């Protein structure tokens, strides 16, 4: 009678080992969440990432609010977030990341966009993203990035010379220091209108307009409107 009992114990042990093995395998997988407002992009990413046995897609969202709701509940069980730079209802992936800043420890955040330039790369780095990549990134490189991350901030294509990062970050800080009135004046300067016309449209005196303009020049360390426009055009800064 002892042999059937041993058989039962052996089966129990086998089942438990299988469960343990599956549990370990699941723990070792990189759990990925995707947020993009185009279903075709989501399906394409799924097809690429699910071809790798070490990657598991645990969530995919077209709506940024649905992503936010999911994140608030499951953030401790997410290893990688793939976030589109431009989401539905004019929501920015950068802003969405900013709202989740206090919950992002331990998660690898990747911003991806149809077009990656210096401005987007530096802004994403500033907002806490670990990588900023074009949707044209080769599939093997994307899989490698998801699997292993990167020791430093990564961009594809590599649009940043390392010394240049400091310059852009400095200008971004200066732009952030502009007052609301100064930002309105800056937008008028970008339109290329004369001071009198711009001042009338803003319903301020020419003296006030010129004062704001001088403050903008001082904060951004430029000496003329032409130099200011060149700086903004070079790095695609927006206000």
C-alpha atoms as a PDB file:
ATOM      1  CA  UNK A   1       0.000   0.000   0.000  1.00  0.00           C
ATOM      2  CA  UNK A   2       2.991   2.288   0.399  1.00  0.00           C
ATOM      3  CA  UNK A   3       3.652   2.617  -3.342  1.00  0.00           C
ATOM      4  CA  UNK A   4       0.389   4.417  -4.269  1.00  0.00           C
ATOM      5  CA  UNK A   5       0.988   6.892  -1.427  1.00  0.00           C
ATOM      6  CA  UNK A   6       4.505   7.577  -2.654  1.00  0.00           C
ATOM      7  CA  UNK A   7       3.071   8.109  -6.102  1.00  0.00           C
ATOM      8  CA  UNK A   8       0.629  10.712  -4.776  1.00  0.00           C
ATOM      9  CA  UNK A   9       3.426  12.528  -2.919  1.00  0.00           C
ATOM     10  CA  UNK A  10       5.577  12.473  -6.052  1.00  0.00           C
ATOM     11  CA  UNK A  11       2.751  14.016  -8.086  1.00  0.00           C
ATOM     12  CA  UNK A  12       2.199  16.723  -5.458  1.00  0.00           C
ATOM     13  CA  UNK A  13       5.910  17.540  -5.482  1.00  0.00           C
ATOM     14  CA  UNK A  14       5.954  17.624  -9.297  1.00  0.00           C
ATOM     15  CA  UNK A  15       2.980  20.011  -9.436  1.00  0.00           C
ATOM     16  CA  UNK A  16       4.498  22.301  -6.787  1.00  0.00           C
ATOM     17  CA  UNK A  17       7.842  22.392  -8.596  1.00  0.00           C
ATOM     18  CA  UNK A  18       6.050  23.286 -11.826  1.00  0.00           C
ATOM     19  CA  UNK A  19       4.151  26.083 -10.069  1.00  0.00           C
ATOM     20  CA  UNK A  20       7.358  27.363  -8.472  1.00  0.00           C
ATOM     21  CA  UNK A  21       9.157  27.262 -11.819  1.00  0.00           C
ATOM     22  CA  UNK A  22       6.346  29.189 -13.506  1.00  0.00           C
ATOM     23  CA  UNK A  23       6.348  31.696 -10.665  1.00  0.00           C
ATOM     24  CA  UNK A  24      10.105  32.292 -10.988  1.00  0.00           C
ATOM     25  CA  UNK A  25       9.785  32.597 -14.768  1.00  0.00           C
ATOM     26  CA  UNK A  26       7.031  35.184 -14.344  1.00  0.00           C
ATOM     27  CA  UNK A  27       9.087  37.145 -11.811  1.00  0.00           C
ATOM     28  CA  UNK A  28      12.039  37.321 -14.212  1.00  0.00           C
ATOM     29  CA  UNK A  29       9.979  38.787 -17.048  1.00  0.00           C
ATOM     30  CA  UNK A  30      10.059  42.516 -17.764  1.00  0.00           C
ATOM     31  CA  UNK A  31       6.485  43.736 -17.261  1.00  0.00           C
ATOM     32  CA  UNK A  32       5.684  46.417 -19.803  1.00  0.00           C
ATOM     33  CA  UNK A  33       2.840  48.919 -20.118  1.00  0.00           C
ATOM     34  CA  UNK A  34       2.191  50.809 -23.359  1.00  0.00           C
ATOM     35  CA  UNK A  35       0.317  54.088 -23.745  1.00  0.00           C
ATOM     36  CA  UNK A  36      -0.269  55.330 -27.301  1.00  0.00           C
ATOM     37  CA  UNK A  37      -3.314  56.840 -28.987  1.00  0.00           C
ATOM     38  CA  UNK A  38      -2.921  54.741 -32.162  1.00  0.00           C
ATOM     39  CA  UNK A  39      -4.081  51.125 -32.050  1.00  0.00           C
ATOM     40  CA  UNK A  40      -1.851  50.191 -34.975  1.00  0.00           C
ATOM     41  CA  UNK A  41       1.226  51.350 -33.007  1.00  0.00           C
ATOM     42  CA  UNK A  42       0.166  49.351 -29.963  1.00  0.00           C
ATOM     43  CA  UNK A  43      -0.357  46.229 -32.070  1.00  0.00           C
ATOM     44  CA  UNK A  44       3.016  46.712 -33.737  1.00  0.00           C
ATOM     45  CA  UNK A  45       4.776  47.047 -30.382  1.00  0.00           C
ATOM     46  CA  UNK A  46       2.989  43.971 -29.071  1.00  0.00           C
ATOM     47  CA  UNK A  47       4.100  41.947 -32.076  1.00  0.00           C
ATOM     48  CA  UNK A  48       7.732  43.026 -31.596  1.00  0.00           C
ATOM     49  CA  UNK A  49       7.944  42.697 -27.826  1.00  0.00           C
ATOM     50  CA  UNK A  50       5.933  39.510 -27.394  1.00  0.00           C
ATOM     51  CA  UNK A  51       8.396  37.710 -29.665  1.00  0.00           C
ATOM     52  CA  UNK A  52      10.782  37.821 -26.702  1.00  0.00           C
ATOM     53  CA  UNK A  53      10.087  35.355 -23.885  1.00  0.00           C
ATOM     54  CA  UNK A  54      11.523  37.661 -21.221  1.00  0.00           C
ATOM     55  CA  UNK A  55       9.036  40.470 -21.923  1.00  0.00           C
ATOM     56  CA  UNK A  56       5.394  40.492 -20.833  1.00  0.00           C
ATOM     57  CA  UNK A  57       2.941  43.224 -21.819  1.00  0.00           C
ATOM     58  CA  UNK A  58       0.675  43.686 -18.818  1.00  0.00           C
ATOM     59  CA  UNK A  59      -1.260  46.681 -20.113  1.00  0.00           C
ATOM     60  CA  UNK A  60      -1.882  48.702 -23.284  1.00  0.00           C
ATOM     61  CA  UNK A  61      -3.908  51.917 -23.325  1.00  0.00           C
ATOM     62  CA  UNK A  62      -5.209  54.325 -25.951  1.00  0.00           C
ATOM     63  CA  UNK A  63      -6.603  56.702 -23.334  1.00  0.00           C
ATOM     64  CA  UNK A  64      -4.131  58.510 -21.028  1.00  0.00           C
ATOM     65  CA  UNK A  65      -6.687  58.602 -18.206  1.00  0.00           C
ATOM     66  CA  UNK A  66      -7.113  54.831 -18.357  1.00  0.00           C
ATOM     67  CA  UNK A  67      -3.326  54.472 -18.180  1.00  0.00           C
ATOM     68  CA  UNK A  68      -3.223  56.813 -15.200  1.00  0.00           C
ATOM     69  CA  UNK A  69      -5.915  54.824 -13.389  1.00  0.00           C
ATOM     70  CA  UNK A  70      -4.063  51.563 -14.042  1.00  0.00           C
ATOM     71  CA  UNK A  71      -0.730  53.046 -12.992  1.00  0.00           C
ATOM     72  CA  UNK A  72      -2.086  54.334  -9.675  1.00  0.00           C
ATOM     73  CA  UNK A  73      -3.113  50.782  -8.723  1.00  0.00           C
ATOM     74  CA  UNK A  74      -0.399  48.613 -10.294  1.00  0.00           C
ATOM     75  CA  UNK A  75       2.715  50.821 -10.392  1.00  0.00           C
ATOM     76  CA  UNK A  76       4.681  48.497  -8.090  1.00  0.00           C
ATOM     77  CA  UNK A  77       4.238  45.670 -10.614  1.00  0.00           C
ATOM     78  CA  UNK A  78       5.419  47.557 -13.709  1.00  0.00           C
ATOM     79  CA  UNK A  79       9.039  47.449 -14.891  1.00  0.00           C
ATOM     80  CA  UNK A  80       8.862  49.481 -18.103  1.00  0.00           C
ATOM     81  CA  UNK A  81       6.519  52.155 -19.458  1.00  0.00           C
ATOM     82  CA  UNK A  82       6.457  52.948 -23.180  1.00  0.00           C
ATOM     83  CA  UNK A  83       4.815  56.364 -23.444  1.00  0.00           C
ATOM     84  CA  UNK A  84       3.885  58.217 -26.629  1.00  0.00           C
ATOM     85  CA  UNK A  85       4.935  61.880 -26.628  1.00  0.00           C
ATOM     86  CA  UNK A  86       1.595  63.069 -28.043  1.00  0.00           C
ATOM     87  CA  UNK A  87      -1.578  61.432 -26.757  1.00  0.00           C
ATOM     88  CA  UNK A  88      -5.291  61.942 -27.409  1.00  0.00           C
ATOM     89  CA  UNK A  89      -7.118  65.092 -26.278  1.00  0.00           C
ATOM     90  CA  UNK A  90      -3.855  67.076 -26.614  1.00  0.00           C
ATOM     91  CA  UNK A  91      -2.358  65.320 -23.591  1.00  0.00           C
ATOM     92  CA  UNK A  92       1.439  65.283 -23.545  1.00  0.00           C
ATOM     93  CA  UNK A  93       3.330  62.161 -22.499  1.00  0.00           C
ATOM     94  CA  UNK A  94       5.738  64.499 -20.706  1.00  0.00           C
ATOM     95  CA  UNK A  95       2.923  65.957 -18.611  1.00  0.00           C
ATOM     96  CA  UNK A  96       1.518  62.514 -17.852  1.00  0.00           C
ATOM     97  CA  UNK A  97       4.929  61.395 -16.582  1.00  0.00           C
ATOM     98  CA  UNK A  98       5.168  64.517 -14.418  1.00  0.00           C
ATOM     99  CA  UNK A  99       1.865  63.667 -12.735  1.00  0.00           C
ATOM    100  CA  UNK A 100       3.165  60.230 -11.746  1.00  0.00           C
ATOM    101  CA  UNK A 101       6.566  61.471 -10.535  1.00  0.00           C
ATOM    102  CA  UNK A 102       6.128  60.358  -6.924  1.00  0.00           C
ATOM    103  CA  UNK A 103       5.403  56.758  -7.960  1.00  0.00           C
ATOM    104  CA  UNK A 104       8.098  56.129 -10.583  1.00  0.00           C
ATOM    105  CA  UNK A 105      10.941  54.691  -8.511  1.00  0.00           C
ATOM    106  CA  UNK A 106      12.255  51.439  -9.978  1.00  0.00           C
ATOM    107  CA  UNK A 107      10.400  51.760 -13.285  1.00  0.00           C
ATOM    108  CA  UNK A 108      12.189  52.384 -16.594  1.00  0.00           C
ATOM    109  CA  UNK A 109      10.355  55.075 -18.575  1.00  0.00           C
ATOM    110  CA  UNK A 110      10.695  55.363 -22.345  1.00  0.00           C
ATOM    111  CA  UNK A 111       9.233  58.257 -24.342  1.00  0.00           C
ATOM    112  CA  UNK A 112       8.750  57.547 -28.018  1.00  0.00           C
ATOM    113  CA  UNK A 113       7.704  59.789 -30.861  1.00  0.00           C
ATOM    114  CA  UNK A 114       7.524  59.938 -34.638  1.00  0.00           C
ATOM    115  CA  UNK A 115      10.173  62.651 -34.493  1.00  0.00           C
ATOM    116  CA  UNK A 116      12.914  63.054 -31.869  1.00  0.00           C
ATOM    117  CA  UNK A 117      14.911  66.288 -31.696  1.00  0.00           C
ATOM    118  CA  UNK A 118      17.169  67.998 -29.155  1.00  0.00           C
ATOM    119  CA  UNK A 119      14.313  69.744 -27.405  1.00  0.00           C
ATOM    120  CA  UNK A 120      12.206  66.615 -26.907  1.00  0.00           C
ATOM    121  CA  UNK A 121      15.209  64.577 -25.745  1.00  0.00           C
ATOM    122  CA  UNK A 122      16.250  67.120 -23.099  1.00  0.00           C
ATOM    123  CA  UNK A 123      12.678  67.732 -21.956  1.00  0.00           C
ATOM    124  CA  UNK A 124      12.093  63.999 -21.514  1.00  0.00           C
ATOM    125  CA  UNK A 125      15.333  63.663 -19.542  1.00  0.00           C
ATOM    126  CA  UNK A 126      14.287  66.587 -17.358  1.00  0.00           C
ATOM    127  CA  UNK A 127      10.887  64.978 -16.711  1.00  0.00           C
ATOM    128  CA  UNK A 128      12.500  61.761 -15.509  1.00  0.00           C
ATOM    129  CA  UNK A 129      12.386  59.577 -18.608  1.00  0.00           C
ATOM    130  CA  UNK A 130      15.318  57.198 -18.999  1.00  0.00           C
ATOM    131  CA  UNK A 131      15.144  57.119 -22.786  1.00  0.00           C
ATOM    132  CA  UNK A 132      13.653  59.072 -25.684  1.00  0.00           C
ATOM    133  CA  UNK A 133      13.362  57.126 -28.911  1.00  0.00           C
ATOM    134  CA  UNK A 134      12.021  57.480 -32.414  1.00  0.00           C
ATOM    135  CA  UNK A 135       9.383  55.024 -33.579  1.00  0.00           C
ATOM    136  CA  UNK A 136      11.884  54.166 -36.317  1.00  0.00           C
ATOM    137  CA  UNK A 137      14.160  52.403 -33.806  1.00  0.00           C
ATOM    138  CA  UNK A 138      15.170  48.916 -35.035  1.00  0.00           C
ATOM    139  CA  UNK A 139      13.226  46.125 -33.324  1.00  0.00           C
ATOM    140  CA  UNK A 140      16.323  44.357 -31.904  1.00  0.00           C
ATOM    141  CA  UNK A 141      17.525  47.605 -30.316  1.00  0.00           C
ATOM    142  CA  UNK A 142      14.084  48.256 -28.823  1.00  0.00           C
ATOM    143  CA  UNK A 143      13.956  44.767 -27.311  1.00  0.00           C
ATOM    144  CA  UNK A 144      17.458  45.214 -25.888  1.00  0.00           C
ATOM    145  CA  UNK A 145      16.454  48.540 -24.357  1.00  0.00           C
ATOM    146  CA  UNK A 146      13.336  47.048 -22.761  1.00  0.00           C
ATOM    147  CA  UNK A 147      15.244  44.031 -21.451  1.00  0.00           C
ATOM    148  CA  UNK A 148      18.305  45.739 -20.018  1.00  0.00           C
ATOM    149  CA  UNK A 149      17.626  49.487 -19.903  1.00  0.00           C
ATOM    150  CA  UNK A 150      20.592  51.841 -20.154  1.00  0.00           C
ATOM    151  CA  UNK A 151      23.128  53.098 -17.582  1.00  0.00           C
ATOM    152  CA  UNK A 152      22.639  56.705 -18.709  1.00  0.00           C
ATOM    153  CA  UNK A 153      19.960  58.632 -20.544  1.00  0.00           C
ATOM    154  CA  UNK A 154      19.527  57.159 -24.023  1.00  0.00           C
ATOM    155  CA  UNK A 155      18.163  58.743 -27.181  1.00  0.00           C
ATOM    156  CA  UNK A 156      17.578  57.265 -30.604  1.00  0.00           C
ATOM    157  CA  UNK A 157      18.719  58.775 -32.819  1.00  0.00           C
ATOM    158  CA  UNK A 158      21.522  60.226 -30.711  1.00  0.00           C
ATOM    159  CA  UNK A 159      20.579  63.881 -31.145  1.00  0.00           C
ATOM    160  CA  UNK A 160      22.551  65.209 -28.189  1.00  0.00           C
ATOM    161  CA  UNK A 161      26.209  65.976 -27.869  1.00  0.00           C
ATOM    162  CA  UNK A 162      26.931  65.590 -24.161  1.00  0.00           C
ATOM    163  CA  UNK A 163      28.257  69.171 -23.649  1.00  0.00           C
ATOM    164  CA  UNK A 164      25.163  70.465 -25.418  1.00  0.00           C
ATOM    165  CA  UNK A 165      22.819  68.966 -22.822  1.00  0.00           C
ATOM    166  CA  UNK A 166      23.953  71.498 -20.241  1.00  0.00           C
ATOM    167  CA  UNK A 167      23.332  74.380 -22.643  1.00  0.00           C
ATOM    168  CA  UNK A 168      19.799  73.245 -23.446  1.00  0.00           C
ATOM    169  CA  UNK A 169      18.948  72.558 -19.817  1.00  0.00           C
ATOM    170  CA  UNK A 170      20.159  76.057 -18.927  1.00  0.00           C
ATOM    171  CA  UNK A 171      17.920  77.639 -21.575  1.00  0.00           C
ATOM    172  CA  UNK A 172      14.959  75.538 -20.433  1.00  0.00           C
ATOM    173  CA  UNK A 173      15.452  76.757 -16.875  1.00  0.00           C
ATOM    174  CA  UNK A 174      15.584  80.340 -18.144  1.00  0.00           C
ATOM    175  CA  UNK A 175      12.372  79.852 -20.125  1.00  0.00           C
ATOM    176  CA  UNK A 176      10.690  78.404 -17.051  1.00  0.00           C
ATOM    177  CA  UNK A 177      11.675  81.520 -15.081  1.00  0.00           C
ATOM    178  CA  UNK A 178       9.781  83.842 -17.435  1.00  0.00           C
ATOM    179  CA  UNK A 179       6.665  85.448 -16.002  1.00  0.00           C
ATOM    180  CA  UNK A 180       3.285  85.034 -17.728  1.00  0.00           C
ATOM    181  CA  UNK A 181       3.582  88.578 -19.081  1.00  0.00           C
ATOM    182  CA  UNK A 182       7.073  87.878 -20.409  1.00  0.00           C
ATOM    183  CA  UNK A 183       5.873  84.680 -22.099  1.00  0.00           C
ATOM    184  CA  UNK A 184       3.104  86.633 -23.830  1.00  0.00           C
ATOM    185  CA  UNK A 185       5.670  89.167 -25.055  1.00  0.00           C
ATOM    186  CA  UNK A 186       7.964  86.334 -26.220  1.00  0.00           C
ATOM    187  CA  UNK A 187       5.135  84.850 -28.293  1.00  0.00           C
ATOM    188  CA  UNK A 188       4.614  88.243 -29.915  1.00  0.00           C
ATOM    189  CA  UNK A 189       8.330  88.513 -30.660  1.00  0.00           C
ATOM    190  CA  UNK A 190       8.135  85.142 -32.399  1.00  0.00           C
ATOM    191  CA  UNK A 191       5.403  86.543 -34.656  1.00  0.00           C
ATOM    192  CA  UNK A 192       7.871  89.161 -35.910  1.00  0.00           C
ATOM    193  CA  UNK A 193       5.604  92.152 -35.318  1.00  0.00           C
ATOM    194  CA  UNK A 194       6.709  95.662 -34.363  1.00  0.00           C
ATOM    195  CA  UNK A 195       6.689  96.617 -30.688  1.00  0.00           C
ATOM    196  CA  UNK A 196       3.844  99.138 -31.108  1.00  0.00           C
ATOM    197  CA  UNK A 197       1.577  96.634 -32.847  1.00  0.00           C
ATOM    198  CA  UNK A 198       2.365  93.881 -30.339  1.00  0.00           C
ATOM    199  CA  UNK A 199       1.879  96.206 -27.373  1.00  0.00           C
ATOM    200  CA  UNK A 200      -1.540  97.252 -28.684  1.00  0.00           C
ATOM    201  CA  UNK A 201      -2.583  93.618 -29.112  1.00  0.00           C
ATOM    202  CA  UNK A 202      -1.497  92.837 -25.546  1.00  0.00           C
ATOM    203  CA  UNK A 203      -3.203  96.004 -24.296  1.00  0.00           C
ATOM    204  CA  UNK A 204      -0.015  97.350 -22.660  1.00  0.00           C
ATOM    205  CA  UNK A 205       2.129 100.415 -23.290  1.00  0.00           C
ATOM    206  CA  UNK A 206       5.151 100.266 -25.576  1.00  0.00           C
ATOM    207  CA  UNK A 207       7.322 101.060 -22.541  1.00  0.00           C
ATOM    208  CA  UNK A 208       5.927  98.037 -20.657  1.00  0.00           C
ATOM    209  CA  UNK A 209       6.397  95.823 -23.728  1.00  0.00           C
ATOM    210  CA  UNK A 210      10.023  96.934 -24.116  1.00  0.00           C
ATOM    211  CA  UNK A 211      10.683  96.370 -20.404  1.00  0.00           C
ATOM    212  CA  UNK A 212       9.440  92.790 -20.651  1.00  0.00           C
ATOM    213  CA  UNK A 213      11.547  92.302 -23.783  1.00  0.00           C
ATOM    214  CA  UNK A 214      14.696  93.494 -21.984  1.00  0.00           C
ATOM    215  CA  UNK A 215      13.966  91.084 -19.122  1.00  0.00           C
ATOM    216  CA  UNK A 216      13.599  88.227 -21.610  1.00  0.00           C
ATOM    217  CA  UNK A 217      16.938  89.116 -23.237  1.00  0.00           C
ATOM    218  CA  UNK A 218      18.621  89.222 -19.814  1.00  0.00           C
ATOM    219  CA  UNK A 219      17.211  85.876 -18.650  1.00  0.00           C
ATOM    220  CA  UNK A 220      18.069  84.099 -21.904  1.00  0.00           C
ATOM    221  CA  UNK A 221      21.442  85.844 -22.234  1.00  0.00           C
ATOM    222  CA  UNK A 222      20.821  87.262 -25.713  1.00  0.00           C
ATOM    223  CA  UNK A 223      21.335  90.765 -27.078  1.00  0.00           C
ATOM    224  CA  UNK A 224      18.786  91.048 -29.867  1.00  0.00           C
ATOM    225  CA  UNK A 225      15.517  89.697 -31.174  1.00  0.00           C
ATOM    226  CA  UNK A 226      17.371  88.016 -34.040  1.00  0.00           C
ATOM    227  CA  UNK A 227      19.655  86.197 -31.586  1.00  0.00           C
ATOM    228  CA  UNK A 228      16.636  85.143 -29.526  1.00  0.00           C
ATOM    229  CA  UNK A 229      14.819  83.758 -32.574  1.00  0.00           C
ATOM    230  CA  UNK A 230      17.951  81.906 -33.657  1.00  0.00           C
ATOM    231  CA  UNK A 231      18.174  80.251 -30.226  1.00  0.00           C
ATOM    232  CA  UNK A 232      14.527  79.221 -30.266  1.00  0.00           C
ATOM    233  CA  UNK A 233      14.691  77.947 -33.853  1.00  0.00           C
ATOM    234  CA  UNK A 234      17.870  75.945 -33.205  1.00  0.00           C
ATOM    235  CA  UNK A 235      16.445  73.959 -30.307  1.00  0.00           C
ATOM    236  CA  UNK A 236      12.741  74.148 -31.230  1.00  0.00           C
ATOM    237  CA  UNK A 237      11.909  75.673 -27.837  1.00  0.00           C
ATOM    238  CA  UNK A 238       8.219  76.343 -27.255  1.00  0.00           C
ATOM    239  CA  UNK A 239       6.453  78.505 -24.679  1.00  0.00           C
END
